[in-house]
Amino acid sequence: MKTETIEAVYEHGSFRPVAPADVELTEGQKVRLVVQPIEEPGDVLALAARVYEGLTDEQIDAIEQHMRQR
């Protein structure tokens, strides 16, 4: 059997494929799952929005000035 990558959703203690999967498995066959969360665009944007969180205006200006010099 070749290795397949299938997107799935974890619901109620089980993994459910997002789309029909074309895999050749027999009922009860053991497989190995490697769970790699898929980041949604909103997750990355939320993280970016917090980059300067807790910094003073002076600290933000110093960081941005440094970045412009690069």
Protein backbone atom coordinates (compact mmCIF):
# COMPACT_ATOMS: atom_id res chain seq x y z
CA MET A 1 0.00 0.00 0.00
CA LYS A 2 1.35 3.42 -0.88
CA THR A 3 1.33 6.34 1.55
CA GLU A 4 -1.61 8.73 1.16
CA THR A 5 -2.23 12.18 2.58
CA ILE A 6 -5.87 12.76 3.47
CA GLU A 7 -7.35 15.83 5.14
CA ALA A 8 -9.64 14.97 8.01
CA VAL A 9 -11.62 16.61 10.78
CA TYR A 10 -11.50 15.37 14.37
CA GLU A 11 -15.07 15.06 15.68
CA HIS A 12 -16.47 13.22 18.68
CA GLY A 13 -13.27 11.24 19.22
CA SER A 14 -12.82 10.09 15.61
CA PHE A 15 -11.16 11.33 12.44
CA ARG A 16 -13.55 11.93 9.53
CA PRO A 17 -12.13 12.45 6.02
CA VAL A 18 -13.04 15.86 4.56
CA ALA A 19 -13.55 14.38 1.09
CA PRO A 20 -14.04 10.83 -0.14
CA ALA A 21 -10.70 9.04 0.08
CA ASP A 22 -9.45 6.67 -2.61
CA VAL A 23 -7.50 4.34 -0.34
CA GLU A 24 -7.36 0.57 -0.38
CA LEU A 25 -7.97 -0.45 3.23
CA THR A 26 -9.63 -3.52 4.62
CA GLU A 27 -12.09 -3.27 7.50
CA GLY A 28 -10.15 -3.27 10.78
CA GLN A 29 -6.78 -2.62 9.12
CA LYS A 30 -4.36 -0.67 11.30
CA VAL A 31 -2.83 2.50 9.90
CA ARG A 32 -0.50 5.15 11.31
CA LEU A 33 -1.86 8.70 11.51
CA VAL A 34 0.50 11.66 11.64
CA VAL A 35 -1.53 14.61 12.86
CA GLN A 36 -0.43 17.94 11.39
CA PRO A 37 -2.88 20.77 12.14
CA ILE A 38 -3.76 22.90 9.12
CA GLU A 39 -3.52 26.59 9.91
CA GLU A 40 -6.38 28.68 8.67
CA PRO A 41 -5.59 32.11 7.16
CA GLY A 42 -7.44 33.75 10.04
CA ASP A 43 -5.07 32.07 12.54
CA VAL A 44 -2.02 33.62 10.89
CA LEU A 45 -3.68 37.04 10.65
CA ALA A 46 -4.66 36.92 14.33
CA LEU A 47 -1.06 36.11 15.24
CA ALA A 48 0.27 38.95 13.06
CA ALA A 49 -2.15 41.38 14.69
CA ARG A 50 -0.57 40.63 18.07
CA VAL A 51 3.07 41.18 17.03
CA TYR A 52 3.36 44.55 18.74
CA GLU A 53 1.05 43.69 21.63
CA GLY A 54 2.38 45.10 24.92
CA LEU A 55 5.04 47.32 23.32
CA THR A 56 5.20 51.08 23.68
CA ASP A 57 4.98 53.37 20.66
CA GLU A 58 8.70 54.10 21.05
CA GLN A 59 9.56 50.40 20.97
CA ILE A 60 7.41 49.86 17.89
CA ASP A 61 9.06 52.84 16.14
CA ALA A 62 12.53 51.47 16.97
CA ILE A 63 11.65 48.03 15.58
CA GLU A 64 10.17 49.46 12.38
CA GLN A 65 13.13 51.79 11.88
CA HIS A 66 15.49 48.85 12.25
CA MET A 67 13.50 46.85 9.69
CA ARG A 68 13.61 49.71 7.16
CA GLN A 69 17.40 49.76 7.44
CA ARG A 70 17.67 46.09 6.46
